[in-house]
């Protein structure tokens, strides 16, 4: 039996139903959009950790800036 945790979202999203949710499931990390929960992306904990390090380091900021214009 694979072990699944509950879906989590950023506390800053409050009661919003339009956010990214994450959970651990069967040794993988699952990511989904709360407004489209049937689509789930799976990755390894190691790749997820690398992605989070990149986010915290500002590695993807240029993409967010271009999406706003």
N, C-alpha and C. Protein backbone atom coordinates (compact mmCIF):
# COMPACT_ATOMS: atom_id res chain seq x y z
N UNK A 1 0.84 -1.18 0.00
CA UNK A 1 0.00 0.00 0.00
C UNK A 1 0.89 1.24 0.00
N UNK A 2 0.59 2.18 -0.89
CA UNK A 2 1.39 3.41 -0.93
C UNK A 2 0.81 4.42 0.06
N UNK A 3 1.69 5.17 0.65
CA UNK A 3 1.29 6.14 1.66
C UNK A 3 1.10 7.51 1.02
N UNK A 4 -0.04 8.14 1.27
CA UNK A 4 -0.31 9.46 0.72
C UNK A 4 -0.57 10.44 1.84
N UNK A 5 -0.03 11.63 1.68
CA UNK A 5 -0.32 12.70 2.63
C UNK A 5 -1.43 13.57 2.06
N UNK A 6 -1.86 14.53 2.84
CA UNK A 6 -2.91 15.44 2.39
C UNK A 6 -2.33 16.48 1.44
N UNK A 7 -3.17 16.97 0.55
CA UNK A 7 -2.75 18.06 -0.34
C UNK A 7 -2.50 19.30 0.50
N UNK A 8 -1.41 20.00 0.21
CA UNK A 8 -1.05 21.24 0.93
C UNK A 8 -0.90 22.37 -0.06
N UNK A 9 -1.17 23.57 0.40
CA UNK A 9 -0.97 24.76 -0.43
C UNK A 9 -0.31 25.83 0.43
N UNK A 10 0.18 26.85 -0.21
CA UNK A 10 0.84 27.94 0.52
C UNK A 10 -0.15 28.63 1.44
N UNK A 11 0.27 28.92 2.65
CA UNK A 11 -0.62 29.60 3.59
C UNK A 11 -1.02 30.98 3.08
N UNK A 12 -0.17 31.59 2.25
CA UNK A 12 -0.48 32.91 1.69
C UNK A 12 -1.67 32.87 0.74
N UNK A 13 -2.03 31.69 0.24
CA UNK A 13 -3.16 31.60 -0.69
C UNK A 13 -4.50 31.68 0.03
N UNK A 14 -4.49 31.56 1.35
CA UNK A 14 -5.72 31.72 2.13
C UNK A 14 -6.82 30.78 1.68
N UNK A 15 -8.00 31.32 1.46
CA UNK A 15 -9.15 30.52 1.04
C UNK A 15 -9.26 30.41 -0.47
N UNK A 16 -8.30 30.91 -1.20
CA UNK A 16 -8.34 30.87 -2.66
C UNK A 16 -8.46 29.44 -3.16
N UNK A 17 -9.23 29.27 -4.22
CA UNK A 17 -9.35 27.95 -4.84
C UNK A 17 -8.55 27.88 -6.13
N UNK A 18 -7.69 28.85 -6.36
CA UNK A 18 -6.87 28.90 -7.56
C UNK A 18 -5.41 28.92 -7.14
N UNK A 19 -4.88 27.76 -6.76
CA UNK A 19 -3.50 27.71 -6.28
C UNK A 19 -2.88 26.35 -6.59
N UNK A 20 -1.59 26.25 -6.38
CA UNK A 20 -0.86 25.00 -6.57
C UNK A 20 -0.88 24.23 -5.26
N UNK A 21 -1.15 22.93 -5.36
CA UNK A 21 -1.16 22.05 -4.19
C UNK A 21 -0.10 20.96 -4.37
N UNK A 22 0.46 20.50 -3.26
CA UNK A 22 1.54 19.52 -3.28
C UNK A 22 1.28 18.47 -2.21
N UNK A 23 1.68 17.23 -2.49
CA UNK A 23 1.63 16.19 -1.45
C UNK A 23 2.66 15.10 -1.76
N UNK A 24 3.00 14.35 -0.73
CA UNK A 24 3.86 13.17 -0.88
C UNK A 24 2.95 11.98 -1.13
N UNK A 25 3.34 11.13 -2.09
CA UNK A 25 2.51 9.96 -2.41
C UNK A 25 3.38 8.84 -2.95
N UNK A 26 3.45 7.75 -2.22
CA UNK A 26 4.17 6.58 -2.69
C UNK A 26 5.62 6.82 -3.06
N UNK A 27 6.31 7.64 -2.29
CA UNK A 27 7.72 7.91 -2.55
C UNK A 27 7.96 8.99 -3.59
N UNK A 28 6.89 9.59 -4.11
CA UNK A 28 7.01 10.67 -5.09
C UNK A 28 6.38 11.94 -4.53
N UNK A 29 6.56 13.03 -5.25
CA UNK A 29 5.90 14.30 -4.93
C UNK A 29 4.88 14.54 -6.03
N UNK A 30 3.64 14.85 -5.65
CA UNK A 30 2.59 15.15 -6.62
C UNK A 30 2.23 16.62 -6.53
N UNK A 31 2.03 17.23 -7.69
CA UNK A 31 1.71 18.66 -7.78
C UNK A 31 0.47 18.80 -8.66
N UNK A 32 -0.45 19.67 -8.27
CA UNK A 32 -1.65 19.91 -9.09
C UNK A 32 -2.14 21.34 -8.89
N UNK A 33 -2.98 21.79 -9.81
CA UNK A 33 -3.70 23.06 -9.69
C UNK A 33 -5.00 22.76 -8.96
N UNK A 34 -5.33 23.54 -7.96
CA UNK A 34 -6.54 23.27 -7.19
C UNK A 34 -7.81 23.39 -8.03
N UNK A 35 -7.79 24.23 -9.06
CA UNK A 35 -8.98 24.36 -9.90
C UNK A 35 -9.03 23.33 -11.03
N UNK A 36 -8.04 22.45 -11.13
CA UNK A 36 -8.02 21.37 -12.11
C UNK A 36 -7.39 20.13 -11.44
N UNK A 37 -8.02 19.62 -10.38
CA UNK A 37 -7.40 18.59 -9.54
C UNK A 37 -7.17 17.24 -10.20
N UNK A 38 -7.82 16.98 -11.32
CA UNK A 38 -7.64 15.68 -11.97
C UNK A 38 -6.31 15.57 -12.73
N UNK A 39 -5.64 16.69 -12.97
CA UNK A 39 -4.33 16.68 -13.63
C UNK A 39 -3.25 16.76 -12.57
N UNK A 40 -2.45 15.70 -12.46
CA UNK A 40 -1.43 15.62 -11.42
C UNK A 40 -0.07 15.37 -12.07
N UNK A 41 0.91 16.16 -11.69
CA UNK A 41 2.29 15.97 -12.15
C UNK A 41 3.06 15.30 -11.02
N UNK A 42 3.84 14.28 -11.36
CA UNK A 42 4.62 13.56 -10.34
C UNK A 42 6.11 13.73 -10.61
N UNK A 43 6.87 13.83 -9.53
CA UNK A 43 8.32 13.94 -9.64
C UNK A 43 8.96 13.29 -8.41
N UNK A 44 10.26 13.19 -8.44
CA UNK A 44 10.97 12.61 -7.29
C UNK A 44 11.21 13.69 -6.24
N UNK A 45 11.36 13.29 -4.99
CA UNK A 45 11.68 14.27 -3.95
C UNK A 45 12.96 15.05 -4.26
N UNK A 46 13.93 14.39 -4.85
CA UNK A 46 15.20 15.06 -5.18
C UNK A 46 14.99 16.17 -6.23
N UNK A 47 14.22 15.87 -7.27
CA UNK A 47 13.96 16.89 -8.30
C UNK A 47 13.09 18.02 -7.74
N UNK A 48 12.14 17.68 -6.88
CA UNK A 48 11.30 18.71 -6.26
C UNK A 48 12.14 19.64 -5.39
N UNK A 49 13.06 19.07 -4.63
CA UNK A 49 13.95 19.88 -3.78
C UNK A 49 14.82 20.80 -4.64
N UNK A 50 15.30 20.30 -5.77
CA UNK A 50 16.11 21.13 -6.67
C UNK A 50 15.27 22.27 -7.24
N UNK A 51 14.02 21.99 -7.60
CA UNK A 51 13.12 23.02 -8.10
C UNK A 51 12.89 24.09 -7.03
N UNK A 52 12.62 23.68 -5.80
CA UNK A 52 12.40 24.64 -4.72
C UNK A 52 13.63 25.51 -4.46
N UNK A 53 14.81 24.90 -4.53
CA UNK A 53 16.04 25.70 -4.37
C UNK A 53 16.13 26.76 -5.47
N UNK A 54 15.78 26.39 -6.69
CA UNK A 54 15.80 27.33 -7.80
C UNK A 54 14.80 28.47 -7.61
N UNK A 55 13.61 28.13 -7.13
CA UNK A 55 12.60 29.16 -6.86
C UNK A 55 13.10 30.14 -5.81
N UNK A 56 13.63 29.60 -4.71
CA UNK A 56 14.12 30.45 -3.63
C UNK A 56 15.30 31.31 -4.06
N UNK A 57 16.08 30.83 -5.01
CA UNK A 57 17.25 31.58 -5.49
C UNK A 57 16.88 32.58 -6.58
N UNK A 58 15.60 32.62 -6.98
CA UNK A 58 15.17 33.57 -8.00
C UNK A 58 15.45 33.13 -9.42
N UNK A 59 15.76 31.85 -9.59
CA UNK A 59 16.13 31.32 -10.90
C UNK A 59 15.03 31.47 -11.95
N UNK A 60 13.78 31.52 -11.53
CA UNK A 60 12.66 31.56 -12.48
C UNK A 60 11.95 32.91 -12.51
N UNK A 61 12.48 33.89 -11.81
CA UNK A 61 11.83 35.20 -11.72
C UNK A 61 11.60 35.84 -13.08
N UNK A 62 12.50 35.64 -14.00
CA UNK A 62 12.35 36.27 -15.33
C UNK A 62 11.09 35.78 -16.04
N UNK A 63 10.67 34.54 -15.78
CA UNK A 63 9.46 34.02 -16.41
C UNK A 63 8.22 34.67 -15.81
N UNK A 64 8.22 34.89 -14.53
CA UNK A 64 7.09 35.55 -13.88
C UNK A 64 6.98 36.99 -14.35
N UNK A 65 8.11 37.67 -14.49
CA UNK A 65 8.11 39.05 -14.96
C UNK A 65 7.56 39.16 -16.37
N UNK A 66 7.93 38.24 -17.26
CA UNK A 66 7.46 38.31 -18.64
C UNK A 66 5.98 37.94 -18.74
N UNK A 67 5.47 37.13 -17.83
CA UNK A 67 4.06 36.75 -17.85
C UNK A 67 3.16 37.91 -17.43
N UNK A 68 3.70 38.86 -16.69
CA UNK A 68 2.90 40.00 -16.22
C UNK A 68 2.76 41.09 -17.26
N UNK A 69 3.60 41.08 -18.28
CA UNK A 69 3.55 42.17 -19.27
C UNK A 69 2.72 41.82 -20.47
